[in-house]
Amino acid sequence: ADLDAAIVDSGSVDRFRAVSRLRDDDELLR
């Protein structure tokens, strides 16, 4: 349900892409 919401709540594929921001390397490395 959380995964579904994370994908569909943006409303469209274009909007999902537009609001996607990679976390910084430190967070990813931790």
ModelCIF file with pLDDT and N, C-alpha, C, O atoms, coordinates in Angstrom:
data_MODEL
#
_entry.id   MODEL 
#
_entity.id                         1 
_entity.type                       polymer 
_entity.pdbx_number_of_molecules   1 
#
_entity_poly.entity_id                      1 
_entity_poly.type                           'polypeptide(L)' 
_entity_poly.nstd_linkage                   no 
_entity_poly.nstd_monomer                   no 
_entity_poly.pdbx_seq_one_letter_code       ADLDAAIVDSGSVDRFRAVSRLRDDDELLR 
_entity_poly.pdbx_seq_one_letter_code_can   ADLDAAIVDSGSVDRFRAVSRLRDDDELLR 
_entity_poly.pdbx_strand_id                 A 
#
loop_
_entity_poly_seq.entity_id 
_entity_poly_seq.num 
_entity_poly_seq.mon_id 
_entity_poly_seq.hetero 
1 1  ALA n 
1 2  ASP n 
1 3  LEU n 
1 4  ASP n 
1 5  ALA n 
1 6  ALA n 
1 7  ILE n 
1 8  VAL n 
1 9  ASP n 
1 10 SER n 
1 11 GLY n 
1 12 SER n 
1 13 VAL n 
1 14 ASP n 
1 15 ARG n 
1 16 PHE n 
1 17 ARG n 
1 18 ALA n 
1 19 VAL n 
1 20 SER n 
1 21 ARG n 
1 22 LEU n 
1 23 ARG n 
1 24 ASP n 
1 25 ASP n 
1 26 ASP n 
1 27 GLU n 
1 28 LEU n 
1 29 LEU n 
1 30 ARG n 
#
_struct_asym.id          A 
_struct_asym.entity_id   1 
#
loop_
_ma_qa_metric.id 
_ma_qa_metric.mode 
_ma_qa_metric.name 
_ma_qa_metric.software_group_id 
_ma_qa_metric.type 
1 global pLDDT . pLDDT 
2 local  pLDDT . pLDDT 
#
_ma_qa_metric_global.metric_id      1 
_ma_qa_metric_global.metric_value   96.03 
_ma_qa_metric_global.model_id       1 
_ma_qa_metric_global.ordinal_id     1 
#
loop_
_ma_qa_metric_local.label_asym_id 
_ma_qa_metric_local.label_comp_id 
_ma_qa_metric_local.label_seq_id 
_ma_qa_metric_local.metric_id 
_ma_qa_metric_local.metric_value 
_ma_qa_metric_local.model_id 
_ma_qa_metric_local.ordinal_id 
A ALA 1  2 95.00 1 1  
A ASP 2  2 96.00 1 2  
A LEU 3  2 97.00 1 3  
A ASP 4  2 95.00 1 4  
A ALA 5  2 96.00 1 5  
A ALA 6  2 96.00 1 6  
A ILE 7  2 95.00 1 7  
A VAL 8  2 94.00 1 8  
A ASP 9  2 94.00 1 9  
A SER 10 2 92.00 1 10 
A GLY 11 2 93.00 1 11 
A SER 12 2 95.00 1 12 
A VAL 13 2 96.00 1 13 
A ASP 14 2 96.00 1 14 
A ARG 15 2 97.00 1 15 
A PHE 16 2 98.00 1 16 
A ARG 17 2 98.00 1 17 
A ALA 18 2 97.00 1 18 
A VAL 19 2 97.00 1 19 
A SER 20 2 98.00 1 20 
A ARG 21 2 97.00 1 21 
A LEU 22 2 98.00 1 22 
A ARG 23 2 97.00 1 23 
A ASP 24 2 95.00 1 24 
A ASP 25 2 95.00 1 25 
A ASP 26 2 96.00 1 26 
A GLU 27 2 97.00 1 27 
A LEU 28 2 97.00 1 28 
A LEU 29 2 97.00 1 29 
A ARG 30 2 97.00 1 30 
#
loop_
_atom_site.group_PDB 
_atom_site.id 
_atom_site.type_symbol 
_atom_site.label_atom_id 
_atom_site.label_alt_id 
_atom_site.label_comp_id 
_atom_site.label_asym_id 
_atom_site.label_entity_id 
_atom_site.label_seq_id 
_atom_site.pdbx_PDB_ins_code 
_atom_site.Cartn_x 
_atom_site.Cartn_y 
_atom_site.Cartn_z 
_atom_site.occupancy 
_atom_site.B_iso_or_equiv 
_atom_site.pdbx_formal_charge 
_atom_site.auth_seq_id 
_atom_site.auth_comp_id 
_atom_site.auth_asym_id 
_atom_site.auth_atom_id 
_atom_site.pdbx_PDB_model_num 
ATOM 1   N N  . ALA A 1 1  ? 0.829  -1.210 0.000   1.00 95.00 ? 1  ALA A N  1 
ATOM 2   C CA . ALA A 1 1  ? 0.000  0.000  0.000   1.00 95.00 ? 1  ALA A CA 1 
ATOM 3   C C  . ALA A 1 1  ? 0.863  1.260  0.000   1.00 95.00 ? 1  ALA A C  1 
ATOM 4   O O  . ALA A 1 1  ? 0.542  2.229  -0.689  1.00 95.00 ? 1  ALA A O  1 
ATOM 5   N N  . ASP A 1 2  ? 1.955  1.256  0.766   1.00 96.00 ? 2  ASP A N  1 
ATOM 6   C CA . ASP A 1 2  ? 2.865  2.407  0.783   1.00 96.00 ? 2  ASP A CA 1 
ATOM 7   C C  . ASP A 1 2  ? 3.551  2.581  -0.569  1.00 96.00 ? 2  ASP A C  1 
ATOM 8   O O  . ASP A 1 2  ? 3.727  3.703  -1.044  1.00 96.00 ? 2  ASP A O  1 
ATOM 9   N N  . LEU A 1 3  ? 3.937  1.462  -1.185  1.00 97.00 ? 3  LEU A N  1 
ATOM 10  C CA . LEU A 1 3  ? 4.587  1.539  -2.498  1.00 97.00 ? 3  LEU A CA 1 
ATOM 11  C C  . LEU A 1 3  ? 3.615  2.055  -3.547  1.00 97.00 ? 3  LEU A C  1 
ATOM 12  O O  . LEU A 1 3  ? 3.970  2.902  -4.367  1.00 97.00 ? 3  LEU A O  1 
ATOM 13  N N  . ASP A 1 4  ? 2.382  1.541  -3.521  1.00 95.00 ? 4  ASP A N  1 
ATOM 14  C CA . ASP A 1 4  ? 1.363  2.008  -4.459  1.00 95.00 ? 4  ASP A CA 1 
ATOM 15  C C  . ASP A 1 4  ? 1.159  3.513  -4.307  1.00 95.00 ? 4  ASP A C  1 
ATOM 16  O O  . ASP A 1 4  ? 1.142  4.244  -5.298  1.00 95.00 ? 4  ASP A O  1 
ATOM 17  N N  . ALA A 1 5  ? 1.005  3.972  -3.076  1.00 96.00 ? 5  ALA A N  1 
ATOM 18  C CA . ALA A 1 5  ? 0.779  5.396  -2.835  1.00 96.00 ? 5  ALA A CA 1 
ATOM 19  C C  . ALA A 1 5  ? 1.957  6.237  -3.307  1.00 96.00 ? 5  ALA A C  1 
ATOM 20  O O  . ALA A 1 5  ? 1.758  7.303  -3.888  1.00 96.00 ? 5  ALA A O  1 
ATOM 21  N N  . ALA A 1 6  ? 3.177  5.774  -3.068  1.00 96.00 ? 6  ALA A N  1 
ATOM 22  C CA . ALA A 1 6  ? 4.358  6.531  -3.485  1.00 96.00 ? 6  ALA A CA 1 
ATOM 23  C C  . ALA A 1 6  ? 4.408  6.711  -4.999  1.00 96.00 ? 6  ALA A C  1 
ATOM 24  O O  . ALA A 1 6  ? 4.897  7.726  -5.495  1.00 96.00 ? 6  ALA A O  1 
ATOM 25  N N  . ILE A 1 7  ? 3.903  5.729  -5.723  1.00 95.00 ? 7  ILE A N  1 
ATOM 26  C CA . ILE A 1 7  ? 3.897  5.810  -7.183  1.00 95.00 ? 7  ILE A CA 1 
ATOM 27  C C  . ILE A 1 7  ? 2.712  6.638  -7.679  1.00 95.00 ? 7  ILE A C  1 
ATOM 28  O O  . ILE A 1 7  ? 2.897  7.546  -8.489  1.00 95.00 ? 7  ILE A O  1 
ATOM 29  N N  . VAL A 1 8  ? 1.524  6.348  -7.217  1.00 94.00 ? 8  VAL A N  1 
ATOM 30  C CA . VAL A 1 8  ? 0.328  6.955  -7.821  1.00 94.00 ? 8  VAL A CA 1 
ATOM 31  C C  . VAL A 1 8  ? -0.052 8.314  -7.244  1.00 94.00 ? 8  VAL A C  1 
ATOM 32  O O  . VAL A 1 8  ? -0.772 9.068  -7.899  1.00 94.00 ? 8  VAL A O  1 
ATOM 33  N N  . ASP A 1 9  ? 0.405  8.651  -6.048  1.00 94.00 ? 9  ASP A N  1 
ATOM 34  C CA . ASP A 1 9  ? 0.015  9.924  -5.450  1.00 94.00 ? 9  ASP A CA 1 
ATOM 35  C C  . ASP A 1 9  ? 0.510  11.140 -6.227  1.00 94.00 ? 9  ASP A C  1 
ATOM 36  O O  . ASP A 1 9  ? -0.055 12.227 -6.104  1.00 94.00 ? 9  ASP A O  1 
ATOM 37  N N  . SER A 1 10 ? 1.547  10.968 -7.015  1.00 92.00 ? 10 SER A N  1 
ATOM 38  C CA . SER A 1 10 ? 2.038  12.103 -7.808  1.00 92.00 ? 10 SER A CA 1 
ATOM 39  C C  . SER A 1 10 ? 1.085  12.437 -8.946  1.00 92.00 ? 10 SER A C  1 
ATOM 40  O O  . SER A 1 10 ? 1.123  13.550 -9.470  1.00 92.00 ? 10 SER A O  1 
ATOM 41  N N  . GLY A 1 11 ? 0.234  11.500 -9.338  1.00 93.00 ? 11 GLY A N  1 
ATOM 42  C CA . GLY A 1 11 ? -0.791 11.765 -10.331 1.00 93.00 ? 11 GLY A CA 1 
ATOM 43  C C  . GLY A 1 11 ? -0.453 11.365 -11.753 1.00 93.00 ? 11 GLY A C  1 
ATOM 44  O O  . GLY A 1 11 ? -1.354 11.082 -12.542 1.00 93.00 ? 11 GLY A O  1 
ATOM 45  N N  . SER A 1 12 ? 0.813  11.334 -12.095 1.00 95.00 ? 12 SER A N  1 
ATOM 46  C CA . SER A 1 12 ? 1.206  10.937 -13.449 1.00 95.00 ? 12 SER A CA 1 
ATOM 47  C C  . SER A 1 12 ? 2.677  10.540 -13.446 1.00 95.00 ? 12 SER A C  1 
ATOM 48  O O  . SER A 1 12 ? 3.428  10.865 -12.527 1.00 95.00 ? 12 SER A O  1 
ATOM 49  N N  . VAL A 1 13 ? 3.061  9.835  -14.490 1.00 96.00 ? 13 VAL A N  1 
ATOM 50  C CA . VAL A 1 13 ? 4.467  9.443  -14.630 1.00 96.00 ? 13 VAL A CA 1 
ATOM 51  C C  . VAL A 1 13 ? 5.347  10.680 -14.746 1.00 96.00 ? 13 VAL A C  1 
ATOM 52  O O  . VAL A 1 13 ? 6.408  10.745 -14.124 1.00 96.00 ? 13 VAL A O  1 
ATOM 53  N N  . ASP A 1 14 ? 4.921  11.657 -15.530 1.00 96.00 ? 14 ASP A N  1 
ATOM 54  C CA . ASP A 1 14 ? 5.719  12.873 -15.688 1.00 96.00 ? 14 ASP A CA 1 
ATOM 55  C C  . ASP A 1 14 ? 5.920  13.592 -14.357 1.00 96.00 ? 14 ASP A C  1 
ATOM 56  O O  . ASP A 1 14 ? 7.020  14.058 -14.062 1.00 96.00 ? 14 ASP A O  1 
ATOM 57  N N  . ARG A 1 15 ? 4.879  13.682 -13.569 1.00 97.00 ? 15 ARG A N  1 
ATOM 58  C CA . ARG A 1 15 ? 4.976  14.345 -12.260 1.00 97.00 ? 15 ARG A CA 1 
ATOM 59  C C  . ARG A 1 15 ? 5.844  13.521 -11.311 1.00 97.00 ? 15 ARG A C  1 
ATOM 60  O O  . ARG A 1 15 ? 6.643  14.083 -10.562 1.00 97.00 ? 15 ARG A O  1 
ATOM 61  N N  . PHE A 1 16 ? 5.697  12.194 -11.333 1.00 98.00 ? 16 PHE A N  1 
ATOM 62  C CA . PHE A 1 16 ? 6.535  11.324 -10.503 1.00 98.00 ? 16 PHE A CA 1 
ATOM 63  C C  . PHE A 1 16 ? 8.012  11.579 -10.817 1.00 98.00 ? 16 PHE A C  1 
ATOM 64  O O  . PHE A 1 16 ? 8.833  11.731 -9.912  1.00 98.00 ? 16 PHE A O  1 
ATOM 65  N N  . ARG A 1 17 ? 8.333  11.623 -12.101 1.00 98.00 ? 17 ARG A N  1 
ATOM 66  C CA . ARG A 1 17 ? 9.714  11.899 -12.504 1.00 98.00 ? 17 ARG A CA 1 
ATOM 67  C C  . ARG A 1 17 ? 10.164 13.281 -12.034 1.00 98.00 ? 17 ARG A C  1 
ATOM 68  O O  . ARG A 1 17 ? 11.282 13.445 -11.546 1.00 98.00 ? 17 ARG A O  1 
ATOM 69  N N  . ALA A 1 18 ? 9.288  14.270 -12.185 1.00 97.00 ? 18 ALA A N  1 
ATOM 70  C CA . ALA A 1 18 ? 9.645  15.653 -11.858 1.00 97.00 ? 18 ALA A CA 1 
ATOM 71  C C  . ALA A 1 18 ? 9.930  15.862 -10.371 1.00 97.00 ? 18 ALA A C  1 
ATOM 72  O O  . ALA A 1 18 ? 10.797 16.662 -10.019 1.00 97.00 ? 18 ALA A O  1 
ATOM 73  N N  . VAL A 1 19 ? 9.217  15.159 -9.500  1.00 97.00 ? 19 VAL A N  1 
ATOM 74  C CA . VAL A 1 19 ? 9.411  15.367 -8.058  1.00 97.00 ? 19 VAL A CA 1 
ATOM 75  C C  . VAL A 1 19 ? 10.442 14.401 -7.457  1.00 97.00 ? 19 VAL A C  1 
ATOM 76  O O  . VAL A 1 19 ? 10.741 14.490 -6.266  1.00 97.00 ? 19 VAL A O  1 
ATOM 77  N N  . SER A 1 20 ? 10.975 13.500 -8.244  1.00 98.00 ? 20 SER A N  1 
ATOM 78  C CA . SER A 1 20 ? 11.984 12.553 -7.751  1.00 98.00 ? 20 SER A CA 1 
ATOM 79  C C  . SER A 1 20 ? 13.314 13.278 -7.552  1.00 98.00 ? 20 SER A C  1 
ATOM 80  O O  . SER A 1 20 ? 13.828 13.918 -8.469  1.00 98.00 ? 20 SER A O  1 
ATOM 81  N N  . ARG A 1 21 ? 13.861 13.170 -6.343  1.00 97.00 ? 21 ARG A N  1 
ATOM 82  C CA . ARG A 1 21 ? 15.148 13.778 -6.006  1.00 97.00 ? 21 ARG A CA 1 
ATOM 83  C C  . ARG A 1 21 ? 15.995 12.746 -5.280  1.00 97.00 ? 21 ARG A C  1 
ATOM 84  O O  . ARG A 1 21 ? 15.571 12.184 -4.270  1.00 97.00 ? 21 ARG A O  1 
ATOM 85  N N  . LEU A 1 22 ? 17.181 12.500 -5.791  1.00 98.00 ? 22 LEU A N  1 
ATOM 86  C CA . LEU A 1 22 ? 18.063 11.532 -5.147  1.00 98.00 ? 22 LEU A CA 1 
ATOM 87  C C  . LEU A 1 22 ? 18.563 12.058 -3.805  1.00 98.00 ? 22 LEU A C  1 
ATOM 88  O O  . LEU A 1 22 ? 18.946 13.221 -3.681  1.00 98.00 ? 22 LEU A O  1 
ATOM 89  N N  . ARG A 1 23 ? 18.552 11.195 -2.820  1.00 97.00 ? 23 ARG A N  1 
ATOM 90  C CA . ARG A 1 23 ? 19.132 11.548 -1.517  1.00 97.00 ? 23 ARG A CA 1 
ATOM 91  C C  . ARG A 1 23 ? 20.639 11.703 -1.686  1.00 97.00 ? 23 ARG A C  1 
ATOM 92  O O  . ARG A 1 23 ? 21.225 11.213 -2.652  1.00 97.00 ? 23 ARG A O  1 
ATOM 93  N N  . ASP A 1 24 ? 21.247 12.384 -0.742  1.00 95.00 ? 24 ASP A N  1 
ATOM 94  C CA . ASP A 1 24 ? 22.687 12.609 -0.863  1.00 95.00 ? 24 ASP A CA 1 
ATOM 95  C C  . ASP A 1 24 ? 23.465 11.326 -0.572  1.00 95.00 ? 24 ASP A C  1 
ATOM 96  O O  . ASP A 1 24 ? 22.950 10.383 0.029   1.00 95.00 ? 24 ASP A O  1 
ATOM 97  N N  . ASP A 1 25 ? 24.710 11.323 -1.013  1.00 95.00 ? 25 ASP A N  1 
ATOM 98  C CA . ASP A 1 25 ? 25.559 10.134 -0.883  1.00 95.00 ? 25 ASP A CA 1 
ATOM 99  C C  . ASP A 1 25 ? 25.689 9.661  0.563   1.00 95.00 ? 25 ASP A C  1 
ATOM 100 O O  . ASP A 1 25 ? 25.701 8.456  0.816   1.00 95.00 ? 25 ASP A O  1 
ATOM 101 N N  . ASP A 1 26 ? 25.788 10.590 1.517   1.00 96.00 ? 26 ASP A N  1 
ATOM 102 C CA . ASP A 1 26 ? 25.952 10.185 2.914   1.00 96.00 ? 26 ASP A CA 1 
ATOM 103 C C  . ASP A 1 26 ? 24.764 9.366  3.416   1.00 96.00 ? 26 ASP A C  1 
ATOM 104 O O  . ASP A 1 26 ? 24.944 8.349  4.087   1.00 96.00 ? 26 ASP A O  1 
ATOM 105 N N  . GLU A 1 27 ? 23.557 9.809  3.092   1.00 97.00 ? 27 GLU A N  1 
ATOM 106 C CA . GLU A 1 27 ? 22.369 9.055  3.499   1.00 97.00 ? 27 GLU A CA 1 
ATOM 107 C C  . GLU A 1 27 ? 22.342 7.682  2.848   1.00 97.00 ? 27 GLU A C  1 
ATOM 108 O O  . GLU A 1 27 ? 22.049 6.680  3.500   1.00 97.00 ? 27 GLU A O  1 
ATOM 109 N N  . LEU A 1 28 ? 22.652 7.645  1.552   1.00 97.00 ? 28 LEU A N  1 
ATOM 110 C CA . LEU A 1 28 ? 22.654 6.372  0.824   1.00 97.00 ? 28 LEU A CA 1 
ATOM 111 C C  . LEU A 1 28 ? 23.737 5.441  1.362   1.00 97.00 ? 28 LEU A C  1 
ATOM 112 O O  . LEU A 1 28 ? 23.506 4.240  1.504   1.00 97.00 ? 28 LEU A O  1 
ATOM 113 N N  . LEU A 1 29 ? 24.914 5.982  1.662   1.00 97.00 ? 29 LEU A N  1 
ATOM 114 C CA . LEU A 1 29 ? 26.001 5.157  2.191   1.00 97.00 ? 29 LEU A CA 1 
ATOM 115 C C  . LEU A 1 29 ? 25.669 4.598  3.576   1.00 97.00 ? 29 LEU A C  1 
ATOM 116 O O  . LEU A 1 29 ? 25.989 3.447  3.874   1.00 97.00 ? 29 LEU A O  1 
ATOM 117 N N  . ARG A 1 30 ? 25.030 5.407  4.421   1.00 97.00 ? 30 ARG A N  1 
ATOM 118 C CA . ARG A 1 30 ? 24.612 4.898  5.746   1.00 97.00 ? 30 ARG A CA 1 
ATOM 119 C C  . ARG A 1 30 ? 23.622 3.749  5.583   1.00 97.00 ? 30 ARG A C  1 
ATOM 120 O O  . ARG A 1 30 ? 23.156 3.190  6.575   1.00 97.00 ? 30 ARG A O  1 
#
